[in-house]
Amino acid sequence: RISSNNGFSLIELMIAMTIMLILLGIVSVLLSRSLSVRQRESQRTDALTSAQAALNVISREIANSGFGIQSGTNSRQASNGIISADSNTSRIHFRANINNFGPMSGVGTVLATDNAGEDITYFYDDATDSIVRFDPNDSPQTSVVVNKISSITFRYFDYVGTNSTGVEVSTPTENTGRVSIRVLVQLEPVHGQPNPLDVQFTSEVTLRNSNYMLNHY
């Protein structure tokens, strides 16, 4: 007695393969998106960590600018330490007498700032996409604070009188009492994600040795 077992027809096999390919395509797309999101978030985390660490260093040094520098015989008449002629929206140059060393010279600016960490310039280097720290009294004189940065912007606010609310100026003056620092990081393009994507960090620094701040003590 002969029994016949019918298999799948060619059409059924093609339909099954088509469905399988569609499912594999959907899975691969979902997996690709998941990996893209993971890559983007990893970049964001790295940018956050690096830029925040750089902002902390820059903010701390700027806040101490003017320390130990006197503009007169009265110790409360201090300079904010910012070198106006060498500071703008893309760079800042400031001085502080961290070691509190150097004699007074009449009624002019009086204390020495020729030790490491006392005469600092921060600026953005287009060639390396980095924030650079320059100290003529240190070795090496130039060091990279953080790289893969799109831009850094300094904004200055002048305060006059005891109840001043602050006026933004394009270049710092002797009345500048606050500096706003903005760092922009443009993340690398990631397939399947919105590009370009920028991450922005801002730090507000009060110059504790400015005339305005000293008048509040």
C-alpha atoms as a PDB file:
ATOM      1  CA  ARG A   1       0.000   0.000   0.000  1.00  0.00           C
ATOM      2  CA  ILE A   2       1.629   3.261  -1.106  1.00  0.00           C
ATOM      3  CA  SER A   3       0.995   6.566   0.779  1.00  0.00           C
ATOM      4  CA  SER A   4       2.024   9.938  -0.603  1.00  0.00           C
ATOM      5  CA  ASN A   5       3.286  12.818   1.676  1.00  0.00           C
ATOM      6  CA  ASN A   6       2.877  16.200   0.055  1.00  0.00           C
ATOM      7  CA  GLY A   7       5.565  18.856   0.910  1.00  0.00           C
ATOM      8  CA  PHE A   8       5.548  22.646   0.663  1.00  0.00           C
ATOM      9  CA  SER A   9       4.951  24.134  -2.695  1.00  0.00           C
ATOM     10  CA  LEU A  10       7.397  26.631  -4.223  1.00  0.00           C
ATOM     11  CA  ILE A  11       4.945  29.481  -3.683  1.00  0.00           C
ATOM     12  CA  GLU A  12       4.577  28.628   0.022  1.00  0.00           C
ATOM     13  CA  LEU A  13       8.351  28.563   0.444  1.00  0.00           C
ATOM     14  CA  MET A  14       8.712  31.961  -1.244  1.00  0.00           C
ATOM     15  CA  ILE A  15       5.998  33.461   0.965  1.00  0.00           C
ATOM     16  CA  ALA A  16       7.664  32.074   4.099  1.00  0.00           C
ATOM     17  CA  MET A  17      11.080  33.403   3.020  1.00  0.00           C
ATOM     18  CA  THR A  18       9.594  36.818   2.242  1.00  0.00           C
ATOM     19  CA  ILE A  19       7.983  37.037   5.675  1.00  0.00           C
ATOM     20  CA  MET A  20      11.242  35.951   7.317  1.00  0.00           C
ATOM     21  CA  LEU A  21      13.231  38.576   5.416  1.00  0.00           C
ATOM     22  CA  ILE A  22      10.754  41.291   6.408  1.00  0.00           C
ATOM     23  CA  LEU A  23      11.025  40.298  10.076  1.00  0.00           C
ATOM     24  CA  LEU A  24      14.831  40.231   9.896  1.00  0.00           C
ATOM     25  CA  GLY A  25      14.784  43.691   8.288  1.00  0.00           C
ATOM     26  CA  ILE A  26      12.601  45.085  11.076  1.00  0.00           C
ATOM     27  CA  VAL A  27      14.853  43.564  13.741  1.00  0.00           C
ATOM     28  CA  SER A  28      18.007  44.920  12.099  1.00  0.00           C
ATOM     29  CA  VAL A  29      16.531  48.430  11.892  1.00  0.00           C
ATOM     30  CA  LEU A  30      15.543  48.360  15.570  1.00  0.00           C
ATOM     31  CA  LEU A  31      18.976  47.054  16.542  1.00  0.00           C
ATOM     32  CA  SER A  32      20.713  49.706  14.454  1.00  0.00           C
ATOM     33  CA  ARG A  33      18.676  52.470  16.077  1.00  0.00           C
ATOM     34  CA  SER A  34      19.414  51.075  19.513  1.00  0.00           C
ATOM     35  CA  LEU A  35      23.153  51.059  18.805  1.00  0.00           C
ATOM     36  CA  SER A  36      22.951  54.606  17.408  1.00  0.00           C
ATOM     37  CA  VAL A  37      21.206  55.852  20.527  1.00  0.00           C
ATOM     38  CA  ARG A  38      23.798  54.124  22.699  1.00  0.00           C
ATOM     39  CA  GLN A  39      26.634  55.686  20.699  1.00  0.00           C
ATOM     40  CA  ARG A  40      25.060  59.164  20.880  1.00  0.00           C
ATOM     41  CA  GLU A  41      24.453  58.899  24.617  1.00  0.00           C
ATOM     42  CA  SER A  42      28.016  57.694  25.145  1.00  0.00           C
ATOM     43  CA  GLN A  43      29.294  60.736  23.251  1.00  0.00           C
ATOM     44  CA  ARG A  44      27.007  63.015  25.234  1.00  0.00           C
ATOM     45  CA  THR A  45      28.286  61.561  28.510  1.00  0.00           C
ATOM     46  CA  ASP A  46      31.909  61.990  27.463  1.00  0.00           C
ATOM     47  CA  ALA A  47      31.237  65.566  26.363  1.00  0.00           C
ATOM     48  CA  LEU A  48      29.413  66.320  29.602  1.00  0.00           C
ATOM     49  CA  THR A  49      32.226  64.949  31.758  1.00  0.00           C
ATOM     50  CA  SER A  50      35.068  66.628  29.862  1.00  0.00           C
ATOM     51  CA  ALA A  51      33.398  69.999  29.363  1.00  0.00           C
ATOM     52  CA  GLN A  52      32.130  70.171  32.935  1.00  0.00           C
ATOM     53  CA  ALA A  53      35.589  69.368  34.312  1.00  0.00           C
ATOM     54  CA  ALA A  54      37.112  72.074  32.103  1.00  0.00           C
ATOM     55  CA  LEU A  55      34.473  74.610  33.182  1.00  0.00           C
ATOM     56  CA  ASN A  56      35.185  73.861  36.837  1.00  0.00           C
ATOM     57  CA  VAL A  57      38.896  74.543  36.382  1.00  0.00           C
ATOM     58  CA  ILE A  58      38.344  77.713  34.342  1.00  0.00           C
ATOM     59  CA  SER A  59      35.671  79.044  36.689  1.00  0.00           C
ATOM     60  CA  ARG A  60      37.783  78.484  39.788  1.00  0.00           C
ATOM     61  CA  GLU A  61      40.778  80.342  38.378  1.00  0.00           C
ATOM     62  CA  ILE A  62      38.714  83.227  36.992  1.00  0.00           C
ATOM     63  CA  ALA A  63      36.911  83.610  40.333  1.00  0.00           C
ATOM     64  CA  ASN A  64      40.294  84.063  42.046  1.00  0.00           C
ATOM     65  CA  SER A  65      41.479  86.679  39.559  1.00  0.00           C
ATOM     66  CA  GLY A  66      42.602  89.886  41.201  1.00  0.00           C
ATOM     67  CA  PHE A  67      43.525  88.218  44.476  1.00  0.00           C
ATOM     68  CA  GLY A  68      46.404  90.055  46.148  1.00  0.00           C
ATOM     69  CA  ILE A  69      46.498  92.796  43.477  1.00  0.00           C
ATOM     70  CA  GLN A  70      46.001  96.280  44.888  1.00  0.00           C
ATOM     71  CA  SER A  71      45.088  99.402  42.942  1.00  0.00           C
ATOM     72  CA  GLY A  72      45.837 101.735  45.839  1.00  0.00           C
ATOM     73  CA  THR A  73      47.119 101.948  49.400  1.00  0.00           C
ATOM     74  CA  ASN A  74      43.734 100.838  50.756  1.00  0.00           C
ATOM     75  CA  SER A  75      43.694  97.034  50.703  1.00  0.00           C
ATOM     76  CA  ARG A  76      39.963  97.027  49.908  1.00  0.00           C
ATOM     77  CA  GLN A  77      40.507  98.855  46.632  1.00  0.00           C
ATOM     78  CA  ALA A  78      41.348  95.752  44.653  1.00  0.00           C
ATOM     79  CA  SER A  79      41.584  95.116  40.929  1.00  0.00           C
ATOM     80  CA  ASN A  80      39.396  92.395  39.421  1.00  0.00           C
ATOM     81  CA  GLY A  81      42.565  91.158  37.723  1.00  0.00           C
ATOM     82  CA  ILE A  82      41.187  91.015  34.175  1.00  0.00           C
ATOM     83  CA  ILE A  83      43.467  92.417  31.471  1.00  0.00           C
ATOM     84  CA  SER A  84      40.911  94.323  29.394  1.00  0.00           C
ATOM     85  CA  ALA A  85      43.217  94.929  26.434  1.00  0.00           C
ATOM     86  CA  ASP A  86      43.740  91.186  25.983  1.00  0.00           C
ATOM     87  CA  SER A  87      40.232  89.900  26.736  1.00  0.00           C
ATOM     88  CA  ASN A  88      37.187  89.592  24.503  1.00  0.00           C
ATOM     89  CA  THR A  89      34.347  87.177  23.761  1.00  0.00           C
ATOM     90  CA  SER A  90      36.686  84.353  22.700  1.00  0.00           C
ATOM     91  CA  ARG A  91      39.562  84.785  25.186  1.00  0.00           C
ATOM     92  CA  ILE A  92      40.190  85.990  28.707  1.00  0.00           C
ATOM     93  CA  HIS A  93      43.446  87.106  30.303  1.00  0.00           C
ATOM     94  CA  PHE A  94      43.597  87.629  34.067  1.00  0.00           C
ATOM     95  CA  ARG A  95      46.102  87.887  36.887  1.00  0.00           C
ATOM     96  CA  ALA A  96      46.129  86.971  40.562  1.00  0.00           C
ATOM     97  CA  ASN A  97      48.817  87.057  43.231  1.00  0.00           C
ATOM     98  CA  ILE A  98      48.070  83.566  44.534  1.00  0.00           C
ATOM     99  CA  ASN A  99      51.302  83.395  46.558  1.00  0.00           C
ATOM    100  CA  ASN A 100      50.755  86.941  47.889  1.00  0.00           C
ATOM    101  CA  PHE A 101      54.302  87.906  47.030  1.00  0.00           C
ATOM    102  CA  GLY A 102      55.810  91.206  45.916  1.00  0.00           C
ATOM    103  CA  PRO A 103      56.226  94.687  47.417  1.00  0.00           C
ATOM    104  CA  MET A 104      53.851  97.611  46.988  1.00  0.00           C
ATOM    105  CA  SER A 105      55.044 100.270  44.578  1.00  0.00           C
ATOM    106  CA  GLY A 106      53.532 103.659  45.360  1.00  0.00           C
ATOM    107  CA  VAL A 107      49.827 103.807  44.518  1.00  0.00           C
ATOM    108  CA  GLY A 108      49.891 101.818  41.286  1.00  0.00           C
ATOM    109  CA  THR A 109      49.175  98.123  40.725  1.00  0.00           C
ATOM    110  CA  VAL A 110      51.486  96.702  43.264  1.00  0.00           C
ATOM    111  CA  LEU A 111      52.055  93.003  43.672  1.00  0.00           C
ATOM    112  CA  ALA A 112      54.023  90.569  41.519  1.00  0.00           C
ATOM    113  CA  THR A 113      52.222  87.968  39.408  1.00  0.00           C
ATOM    114  CA  ASP A 114      55.207  86.158  37.943  1.00  0.00           C
ATOM    115  CA  ASN A 115      54.721  82.754  39.555  1.00  0.00           C
ATOM    116  CA  ALA A 116      53.030  79.763  37.965  1.00  0.00           C
ATOM    117  CA  GLY A 117      49.242  80.017  38.053  1.00  0.00           C
ATOM    118  CA  GLU A 118      49.186  83.794  38.483  1.00  0.00           C
ATOM    119  CA  ASP A 119      49.048  85.092  34.895  1.00  0.00           C
ATOM    120  CA  ILE A 120      46.587  82.999  32.890  1.00  0.00           C
ATOM    121  CA  THR A 121      45.029  83.260  29.438  1.00  0.00           C
ATOM    122  CA  TYR A 122      42.264  80.973  28.212  1.00  0.00           C
ATOM    123  CA  PHE A 123      41.367  80.937  24.525  1.00  0.00           C
ATOM    124  CA  TYR A 124      39.834  78.756  21.832  1.00  0.00           C
ATOM    125  CA  ASP A 125      42.147  77.148  19.277  1.00  0.00           C
ATOM    126  CA  ASP A 126      40.387  76.601  15.925  1.00  0.00           C
ATOM    127  CA  ALA A 127      43.123  74.297  14.596  1.00  0.00           C
ATOM    128  CA  THR A 128      42.627  71.692  17.333  1.00  0.00           C
ATOM    129  CA  ASP A 129      39.048  72.465  18.448  1.00  0.00           C
ATOM    130  CA  SER A 130      40.378  72.876  21.961  1.00  0.00           C
ATOM    131  CA  ILE A 131      40.336  75.246  24.898  1.00  0.00           C
ATOM    132  CA  VAL A 132      43.933  76.212  25.579  1.00  0.00           C
ATOM    133  CA  ARG A 133      45.452  77.517  28.811  1.00  0.00           C
ATOM    134  CA  PHE A 134      48.528  79.739  28.483  1.00  0.00           C
ATOM    135  CA  ASP A 135      50.748  80.529  31.470  1.00  0.00           C
ATOM    136  CA  PRO A 136      54.063  82.285  30.651  1.00  0.00           C
ATOM    137  CA  ASN A 137      55.446  81.386  34.077  1.00  0.00           C
ATOM    138  CA  ASP A 138      54.715  77.668  33.949  1.00  0.00           C
ATOM    139  CA  SER A 139      56.322  74.753  32.130  1.00  0.00           C
ATOM    140  CA  PRO A 140      54.977  73.903  29.673  1.00  0.00           C
ATOM    141  CA  GLN A 141      53.504  77.315  29.019  1.00  0.00           C
ATOM    142  CA  THR A 142      50.639  76.012  26.868  1.00  0.00           C
ATOM    143  CA  SER A 143      48.324  73.140  27.758  1.00  0.00           C
ATOM    144  CA  VAL A 144      45.033  71.844  26.368  1.00  0.00           C
ATOM    145  CA  VAL A 145      42.216  71.976  28.922  1.00  0.00           C
ATOM    146  CA  VAL A 146      39.698  70.045  26.838  1.00  0.00           C
ATOM    147  CA  ASN A 147      39.436  69.093  23.163  1.00  0.00           C
ATOM    148  CA  LYS A 148      36.578  68.353  20.754  1.00  0.00           C
ATOM    149  CA  ILE A 149      35.038  71.713  21.613  1.00  0.00           C
ATOM    150  CA  SER A 150      33.094  73.727  19.020  1.00  0.00           C
ATOM    151  CA  SER A 151      33.453  77.124  20.700  1.00  0.00           C
ATOM    152  CA  ILE A 152      33.870  79.002  23.967  1.00  0.00           C
ATOM    153  CA  THR A 153      32.290  82.375  24.643  1.00  0.00           C
ATOM    154  CA  PHE A 154      32.998  84.815  27.465  1.00  0.00           C
ATOM    155  CA  ARG A 155      30.405  87.440  28.444  1.00  0.00           C
ATOM    156  CA  TYR A 156      31.215  90.254  30.857  1.00  0.00           C
ATOM    157  CA  PHE A 157      28.927  92.142  33.245  1.00  0.00           C
ATOM    158  CA  ASP A 158      29.801  95.466  34.876  1.00  0.00           C
ATOM    159  CA  TYR A 159      28.553  96.461  38.319  1.00  0.00           C
ATOM    160  CA  VAL A 160      28.631 100.035  39.622  1.00  0.00           C
ATOM    161  CA  GLY A 161      27.269 100.932  43.046  1.00  0.00           C
ATOM    162  CA  THR A 162      26.092  98.698  45.839  1.00  0.00           C
ATOM    163  CA  ASN A 163      22.723  97.789  44.279  1.00  0.00           C
ATOM    164  CA  SER A 164      23.749  97.313  40.667  1.00  0.00           C
ATOM    165  CA  THR A 165      22.026  94.539  38.691  1.00  0.00           C
ATOM    166  CA  GLY A 166      24.841  94.231  36.147  1.00  0.00           C
ATOM    167  CA  VAL A 167      25.182  95.518  32.589  1.00  0.00           C
ATOM    168  CA  GLU A 168      26.600  93.305  29.845  1.00  0.00           C
ATOM    169  CA  VAL A 169      29.599  94.788  28.018  1.00  0.00           C
ATOM    170  CA  SER A 170      31.489  93.521  24.972  1.00  0.00           C
ATOM    171  CA  THR A 171      34.906  93.881  26.611  1.00  0.00           C
ATOM    172  CA  PRO A 172      35.702  93.779  30.343  1.00  0.00           C
ATOM    173  CA  THR A 173      36.443  96.934  32.339  1.00  0.00           C
ATOM    174  CA  GLU A 174      37.581  97.716  35.867  1.00  0.00           C
ATOM    175  CA  ASN A 175      33.912  97.500  36.886  1.00  0.00           C
ATOM    176  CA  THR A 176      33.420  93.946  35.613  1.00  0.00           C
ATOM    177  CA  GLY A 177      32.219  91.803  38.496  1.00  0.00           C
ATOM    178  CA  ARG A 178      30.829  88.725  36.774  1.00  0.00           C
ATOM    179  CA  VAL A 179      31.845  86.552  33.839  1.00  0.00           C
ATOM    180  CA  SER A 180      29.594  84.099  32.020  1.00  0.00           C
ATOM    181  CA  ILE A 181      31.320  81.196  30.256  1.00  0.00           C
ATOM    182  CA  ARG A 182      29.573  79.182  27.544  1.00  0.00           C
ATOM    183  CA  VAL A 183      31.123  76.056  26.060  1.00  0.00           C
ATOM    184  CA  LEU A 184      29.567  74.487  22.963  1.00  0.00           C
ATOM    185  CA  VAL A 185      30.290  70.875  22.020  1.00  0.00           C
ATOM    186  CA  GLN A 186      29.148  69.542  18.646  1.00  0.00           C
ATOM    187  CA  LEU A 187      28.834  65.777  18.796  1.00  0.00           C
ATOM    188  CA  GLU A 188      30.041  63.642  15.912  1.00  0.00           C
ATOM    189  CA  PRO A 189      27.344  62.554  13.418  1.00  0.00           C
ATOM    190  CA  VAL A 190      25.602  59.291  14.283  1.00  0.00           C
ATOM    191  CA  HIS A 191      23.704  57.345  11.643  1.00  0.00           C
ATOM    192  CA  GLY A 192      19.983  57.308  12.285  1.00  0.00           C
ATOM    193  CA  GLN A 193      20.106  60.209  14.760  1.00  0.00           C
ATOM    194  CA  PRO A 194      19.428  63.951  14.278  1.00  0.00           C
ATOM    195  CA  ASN A 195      22.628  65.662  13.133  1.00  0.00           C
ATOM    196  CA  PRO A 196      24.335  67.855  14.034  1.00  0.00           C
ATOM    197  CA  LEU A 197      23.621  67.784  17.750  1.00  0.00           C
ATOM    198  CA  ASP A 198      25.096  70.440  20.043  1.00  0.00           C
ATOM    199  CA  VAL A 199      25.559  70.227  23.788  1.00  0.00           C
ATOM    200  CA  GLN A 200      25.923  73.550  25.602  1.00  0.00           C
ATOM    201  CA  PHE A 201      27.345  74.206  29.065  1.00  0.00           C
ATOM    202  CA  THR A 202      27.251  77.519  30.921  1.00  0.00           C
ATOM    203  CA  SER A 203      28.996  78.703  34.070  1.00  0.00           C
ATOM    204  CA  GLU A 204      28.445  82.000  35.887  1.00  0.00           C
ATOM    205  CA  VAL A 205      31.543  83.239  37.729  1.00  0.00           C
ATOM    206  CA  THR A 206      31.451  86.033  40.302  1.00  0.00           C
ATOM    207  CA  LEU A 207      34.773  87.845  40.649  1.00  0.00           C
ATOM    208  CA  ARG A 208      35.141  87.793  44.417  1.00  0.00           C
ATOM    209  CA  ASN A 209      37.977  90.352  44.357  1.00  0.00           C
ATOM    210  CA  SER A 210      36.204  92.995  42.259  1.00  0.00           C
ATOM    211  CA  ASN A 211      35.353  96.375  43.772  1.00  0.00           C
ATOM    212  CA  TYR A 212      31.656  95.547  43.624  1.00  0.00           C
ATOM    213  CA  MET A 213      32.033  92.347  45.644  1.00  0.00           C
ATOM    214  CA  LEU A 214      34.442  93.885  48.172  1.00  0.00           C
ATOM    215  CA  ASN A 215      31.924  96.651  48.902  1.00  0.00           C
ATOM    216  CA  HIS A 216      29.484  93.975  50.102  1.00  0.00           C
ATOM    217  CA  TYR A 217      31.797  92.534  52.764  1.00  0.00           C
END
